[in-house]
Protein backbone atom coordinates (compact mmCIF):
# COMPACT_ATOMS: atom_id res chain seq x y z
CA UNK A 1 14.92 -1.14 -23.05
CA UNK A 2 15.40 -3.73 -20.29
CA UNK A 3 12.68 -4.62 -17.80
CA UNK A 4 14.17 -2.52 -14.99
CA UNK A 5 14.21 0.58 -17.18
CA UNK A 6 10.64 -0.10 -18.34
CA UNK A 7 9.44 -0.40 -14.76
CA UNK A 8 11.16 2.81 -13.71
CA UNK A 9 9.87 4.73 -16.73
CA UNK A 10 6.29 3.54 -16.18
CA UNK A 11 6.32 4.50 -12.49
CA UNK A 12 7.83 7.93 -13.13
CA UNK A 13 5.36 8.60 -15.96
CA UNK A 14 2.52 8.07 -13.47
CA UNK A 15 4.11 10.42 -10.88
CA UNK A 16 4.99 7.68 -8.39
CA UNK A 17 7.99 8.23 -6.10
CA UNK A 18 11.19 7.27 -7.95
CA UNK A 19 12.02 3.64 -7.14
CA UNK A 20 15.52 2.65 -6.08
CA UNK A 21 17.54 0.28 -8.24
CA UNK A 22 17.87 -2.38 -5.47
CA UNK A 23 14.09 -2.33 -5.04
CA UNK A 24 13.45 -2.91 -8.75
CA UNK A 25 16.14 -5.58 -8.89
CA UNK A 26 14.54 -7.45 -5.99
CA UNK A 27 11.19 -7.46 -7.80
CA UNK A 28 12.76 -8.96 -10.91
CA UNK A 29 14.81 -11.64 -9.17
CA UNK A 30 12.19 -13.10 -6.82
CA UNK A 31 10.86 -15.34 -9.59
CA UNK A 32 12.44 -16.88 -12.65
CA UNK A 33 11.30 -16.03 -15.22
CA UNK A 34 10.00 -12.73 -13.83
CA UNK A 35 6.25 -12.02 -13.91
CA UNK A 36 4.83 -9.99 -16.80
CA UNK A 37 5.31 -6.22 -16.73
CA UNK A 38 1.71 -5.34 -15.65
CA UNK A 39 2.02 -7.64 -12.63
CA UNK A 40 5.42 -6.21 -11.68
CA UNK A 41 4.09 -2.69 -12.09
CA UNK A 42 1.11 -3.36 -9.82
CA UNK A 43 3.38 -4.86 -7.14
CA UNK A 44 5.80 -1.94 -7.33
CA UNK A 45 2.98 0.60 -7.03
CA UNK A 46 1.47 -1.11 -4.00
CA UNK A 47 4.81 -1.26 -2.17
CA UNK A 48 5.76 2.33 -2.97
CA UNK A 49 2.39 3.58 -1.74
CA UNK A 50 2.71 1.64 1.52
CA UNK A 51 6.24 2.77 2.40
CA UNK A 52 7.54 5.62 4.55
CA UNK A 53 9.03 8.33 2.34
CA UNK A 54 11.51 9.32 5.05
CA UNK A 55 13.18 5.95 5.56
CA UNK A 56 12.21 3.36 2.95
CA UNK A 57 14.95 1.81 0.84
CA UNK A 58 12.40 1.22 -1.91
CA UNK A 59 12.64 4.89 -2.91
CA UNK A 60 15.53 6.77 -4.47
CA UNK A 61 15.32 9.77 -2.15
CA UNK A 62 18.15 11.54 -3.99
CA UNK A 63 15.70 12.09 -6.85
CA UNK A 64 12.98 13.56 -4.63
CA UNK A 65 12.43 17.28 -4.16
CA UNK A 66 11.82 18.70 -0.68
CA UNK A 67 9.48 21.42 0.49
CA UNK A 68 11.14 24.83 -0.03
CA UNK A 69 13.33 25.60 2.97
CA UNK A 70 13.23 29.33 2.24
CA UNK A 71 9.55 29.42 3.15
CA UNK A 72 10.35 28.22 6.71
CA UNK A 73 6.86 26.76 6.87
CA UNK A 74 7.97 23.30 7.89
CA UNK A 75 7.51 22.33 11.51
CA UNK A 76 10.77 20.53 12.24
CA UNK A 77 13.41 22.78 10.67
CA UNK A 78 13.68 26.54 11.14
CA UNK A 79 11.32 28.66 13.16
CA UNK A 80 11.49 32.08 11.55
CA UNK A 81 8.20 33.90 12.20
CA UNK A 82 8.81 36.56 9.57
CA UNK A 83 9.51 33.98 6.88
CA UNK A 84 6.66 31.73 7.98
CA UNK A 85 4.27 34.66 7.60
CA UNK A 86 5.39 35.30 4.01
CA UNK A 87 2.33 36.06 1.95
CA UNK A 88 3.16 33.67 -0.88
CA UNK A 89 5.84 31.16 -1.85
CA UNK A 90 5.56 28.88 -4.87
CA UNK A 91 6.96 25.35 -4.98
CA UNK A 92 9.58 25.27 -7.77
CA UNK A 93 9.42 21.49 -8.41
CA UNK A 94 6.96 18.64 -7.92
CA UNK A 95 7.20 17.43 -4.30
CA UNK A 96 6.11 13.99 -3.10
CA UNK A 97 4.55 14.06 0.38
CA UNK A 98 2.67 11.71 2.70
CA UNK A 99 -0.38 12.51 4.81
CA UNK A 100 0.06 12.51 8.60
CA UNK A 101 -3.26 14.05 9.62
CA UNK A 102 -6.60 15.07 8.11
CA UNK A 103 -9.34 17.17 9.68
CA UNK A 104 -12.70 18.39 8.43
CA UNK A 105 -12.75 22.05 9.44
CA UNK A 106 -16.41 22.31 8.41
CA UNK A 107 -17.60 19.79 11.03
CA UNK A 108 -18.03 20.25 14.77
CA UNK A 109 -15.85 18.21 17.11
CA UNK A 110 -18.72 15.91 17.99
CA UNK A 111 -19.51 15.35 14.31
CA UNK A 112 -15.85 14.44 13.83
CA UNK A 113 -16.09 11.92 16.69
CA UNK A 114 -19.11 10.29 15.01
CA UNK A 115 -17.30 10.30 11.68
CA UNK A 116 -14.15 8.65 13.04
CA UNK A 117 -16.11 6.05 15.01
CA UNK A 118 -17.89 5.09 11.80
CA UNK A 119 -14.55 4.82 10.00
CA UNK A 120 -13.19 2.61 12.79
CA UNK A 121 -16.25 0.33 12.40
CA UNK A 122 -15.69 0.22 8.65
CA UNK A 123 -18.88 2.13 7.89
CA UNK A 124 -19.79 4.97 5.59
CA UNK A 125 -23.09 6.63 4.84
CA UNK A 126 -24.68 6.47 1.40
CA UNK A 127 -27.88 8.46 1.36
CA UNK A 128 -30.02 6.92 4.11
CA UNK A 129 -28.01 3.71 4.25
CA UNK A 130 -25.04 2.71 6.37
CA UNK A 131 -22.57 0.85 4.16
CA UNK A 132 -20.03 -1.44 5.77
CA UNK A 133 -16.82 -1.78 3.74
CA UNK A 134 -13.95 -4.19 4.15
CA UNK A 135 -10.38 -2.95 4.46
CA UNK A 136 -9.45 -4.38 1.05
CA UNK A 137 -12.41 -2.69 -0.59
CA UNK A 138 -11.53 0.62 1.03
CA UNK A 139 -7.89 0.41 -0.08
CA UNK A 140 -8.79 -0.45 -3.67
CA UNK A 141 -11.31 2.38 -3.96
CA UNK A 142 -9.06 4.96 -2.31
CA UNK A 143 -5.72 4.03 -3.81
CA UNK A 144 -6.68 3.15 -7.33
CA UNK A 145 -4.56 -0.02 -7.00
CA UNK A 146 -6.56 -3.04 -8.16
CA UNK A 147 -5.60 -6.58 -7.25
CA UNK A 148 -7.06 -8.84 -9.89
CA UNK A 149 -7.37 -11.73 -7.44
CA UNK A 150 -9.08 -9.76 -4.70
CA UNK A 151 -12.85 -9.40 -4.72
CA UNK A 152 -14.40 -6.42 -3.02
CA UNK A 153 -16.93 -7.29 -0.36
CA UNK A 154 -19.58 -4.97 0.96
CA UNK A 155 -22.49 -5.47 3.29
CA UNK A 156 -25.31 -2.93 3.37
CA UNK A 157 -27.31 -2.21 6.49
CA UNK A 158 -30.55 -0.22 6.11
CA UNK A 159 -31.74 2.64 8.23
CA UNK A 160 -33.33 0.14 10.60
CA UNK A 161 -30.07 0.40 12.55
CA UNK A 162 -30.58 4.10 13.10
CA UNK A 163 -34.27 3.61 13.86
CA UNK A 164 -33.51 0.93 16.44
CA UNK A 165 -30.94 3.19 18.06
CA UNK A 166 -33.58 5.92 18.29
CA UNK A 167 -36.08 3.57 19.90
CA UNK A 168 -33.54 2.34 22.42
CA UNK A 169 -32.74 5.91 23.34
CA UNK A 170 -36.37 6.53 24.23
CA UNK A 171 -37.26 8.45 21.10
CA UNK A 172 -34.92 11.30 21.93
CA UNK A 173 -33.68 11.55 18.34
CA UNK A 174 -31.21 9.54 16.33
CA UNK A 175 -27.52 9.87 16.93
CA UNK A 176 -25.86 11.90 14.18
CA UNK A 177 -24.61 9.68 11.34
CA UNK A 178 -21.04 9.73 10.12
CA UNK A 179 -20.73 13.05 8.32
CA UNK A 180 -20.00 12.82 4.61
CA UNK A 181 -17.82 15.63 3.31
CA UNK A 182 -20.05 17.92 1.28
CA UNK A 183 -19.08 19.95 -1.77
CA UNK A 184 -18.37 22.97 0.43
CA UNK A 185 -16.35 21.13 3.09
CA UNK A 186 -12.84 22.36 3.86
CA UNK A 187 -10.15 19.98 5.09
CA UNK A 188 -6.78 20.63 6.66
CA UNK A 189 -3.97 18.11 6.30
CA UNK A 190 -0.52 17.71 7.79
CA UNK A 191 1.91 16.69 5.06
CA UNK A 192 5.49 15.38 5.31
CA UNK A 193 8.20 15.29 2.66
CA UNK A 194 11.04 12.76 2.33
CA UNK A 195 13.30 14.84 4.62
CA UNK A 196 10.77 14.72 7.45
CA UNK A 197 9.64 18.34 7.00
CA UNK A 198 6.00 18.85 7.92
CA UNK A 199 3.58 21.49 6.73
CA UNK A 200 -0.14 22.26 6.94
CA UNK A 201 -2.21 22.06 3.76
CA UNK A 202 -5.71 23.53 3.38
CA UNK A 203 -8.21 23.06 0.56
CA UNK A 204 -8.52 26.31 -1.35
CA UNK A 205 -11.00 24.52 -3.58
CA UNK A 206 -12.63 21.16 -2.91
CA UNK A 207 -10.51 18.11 -3.77
CA UNK A 208 -12.85 15.13 -4.05
CA UNK A 209 -10.44 12.48 -2.76
CA UNK A 210 -9.68 14.37 0.44
CA UNK A 211 -11.99 13.49 3.33
CA UNK A 212 -11.93 11.82 6.73
CA UNK A 213 -12.50 8.14 6.03
CA UNK A 214 -11.36 8.53 2.44
CA UNK A 215 -7.87 9.96 2.94
CA UNK A 216 -5.57 7.46 4.67
CA UNK A 217 -2.67 8.24 6.97
CA UNK A 218 0.51 7.58 5.03
CA UNK A 219 -1.27 8.26 1.74
CA UNK A 220 1.00 9.68 -0.95
CA UNK A 221 0.41 12.94 -2.81
CA UNK A 222 2.31 15.06 -5.31
CA UNK A 223 2.33 18.82 -4.84
CA UNK A 224 2.81 20.18 -8.34
CA UNK A 225 5.33 22.85 -9.29
CA UNK A 226 3.72 26.24 -8.82
CA UNK A 227 1.63 25.19 -5.81
CA UNK A 228 1.24 28.16 -3.48
CA UNK A 229 2.38 28.16 0.16
CA UNK A 230 0.70 31.07 1.92
CA UNK A 231 1.46 32.02 5.54
CA UNK A 232 2.68 28.56 6.45
CA UNK A 233 0.04 26.47 4.65
CA UNK A 234 -0.07 24.79 1.26
CA UNK A 235 -3.16 25.84 -0.69
CA UNK A 236 -4.65 22.74 -2.32
CA UNK A 237 -6.71 22.72 -5.51
CA UNK A 238 -7.53 19.85 -7.88
CA UNK A 239 -5.00 21.29 -10.34
CA UNK A 240 -2.07 21.63 -7.93
CA UNK A 241 -2.13 18.25 -6.16
CA UNK A 242 -2.25 14.68 -7.41
CA UNK A 243 -3.38 12.03 -4.93
CA UNK A 244 -1.63 8.72 -5.55
CA UNK A 245 -3.21 6.73 -2.72
CA UNK A 246 -1.66 4.28 -0.30
CA UNK A 247 -1.62 3.82 3.46
CA UNK A 248 0.84 3.04 6.23
CA UNK A 249 -1.34 0.67 8.21
CA UNK A 250 0.29 1.14 11.63
CA UNK A 251 0.12 4.94 11.31
CA UNK A 252 -3.50 4.85 10.22
CA UNK A 253 -4.68 2.72 13.14
CA UNK A 254 -2.72 4.78 15.67
CA UNK A 255 -4.12 7.99 14.18
CA UNK A 256 -7.73 6.83 14.45
CA UNK A 257 -7.34 5.84 18.10
CA UNK A 258 -5.33 8.91 19.08
CA UNK A 259 -7.57 11.40 17.29
CA UNK A 260 -10.71 9.86 18.74
CA UNK A 261 -9.27 10.19 22.24
CA UNK A 262 -8.28 13.83 21.68
CA UNK A 263 -11.64 14.79 20.21
CA UNK A 264 -13.62 13.04 22.96
CA UNK A 265 -11.52 14.82 25.57
CA UNK A 266 -12.16 18.14 23.84
CA UNK A 267 -15.92 17.47 23.63
CA UNK A 268 -16.07 16.47 27.32
CA UNK A 269 -19.34 17.48 28.94
CA UNK A 270 -20.66 18.86 25.66
CA UNK A 271 -21.19 15.34 24.33
CA UNK A 272 -24.77 15.05 22.97
CA UNK A 273 -27.05 12.71 24.87
């Protein structure tokens, strides 16, 4: 088996989007002799996870399955209310999708503002600590793609930050920390297939890798054959979806800024003081 075939077989075996032949050829011809297979595989994974499923030439879109058109649940194709309200439709084949939006339905709007502001600062909460993470560290932890030459860097700030904020506010109580998704949290996502069809997805049971600050915009997922679409929404469980990781950087930054603005506008005068 030649190197191109080995690369393709390895990627498909791990449920990655099918790579195009020109993409694989370009990886093999950039250096002579080509890098070892593990290095090529890591590079291919990183590029596939960072691409746009709807337009990238790195992917063989002819091999990808689309969301079922008969369900009419997608937002940019048909608009058949009777079909969209169908009680249950099952996906016949594995479908690769990318995340366009994520929302914690269990959190109030103000809690979501706090959560997104913490994400924008590169912070997460761990117990009573605020942990600042670098972008590289966040990508490696979320995507499962490890760069052997990159070292993760974290800086930990203690609760003195929160205490100082309380003192500066005149003892009126600490501002709510970024909300970590609990075991009973429910998230709603907007997913897009390679044809540009969009659909809502809701956790039927908790999926650990889905959370605001953990799920990136542009992140790739596989909806497994048999996944249920009920009344216009995909029902997510750990068994029916595989999260591959990835991020489209420009989308992610625009999403954070846009969502923050929308949430702050919605909170308005109800903003805690």
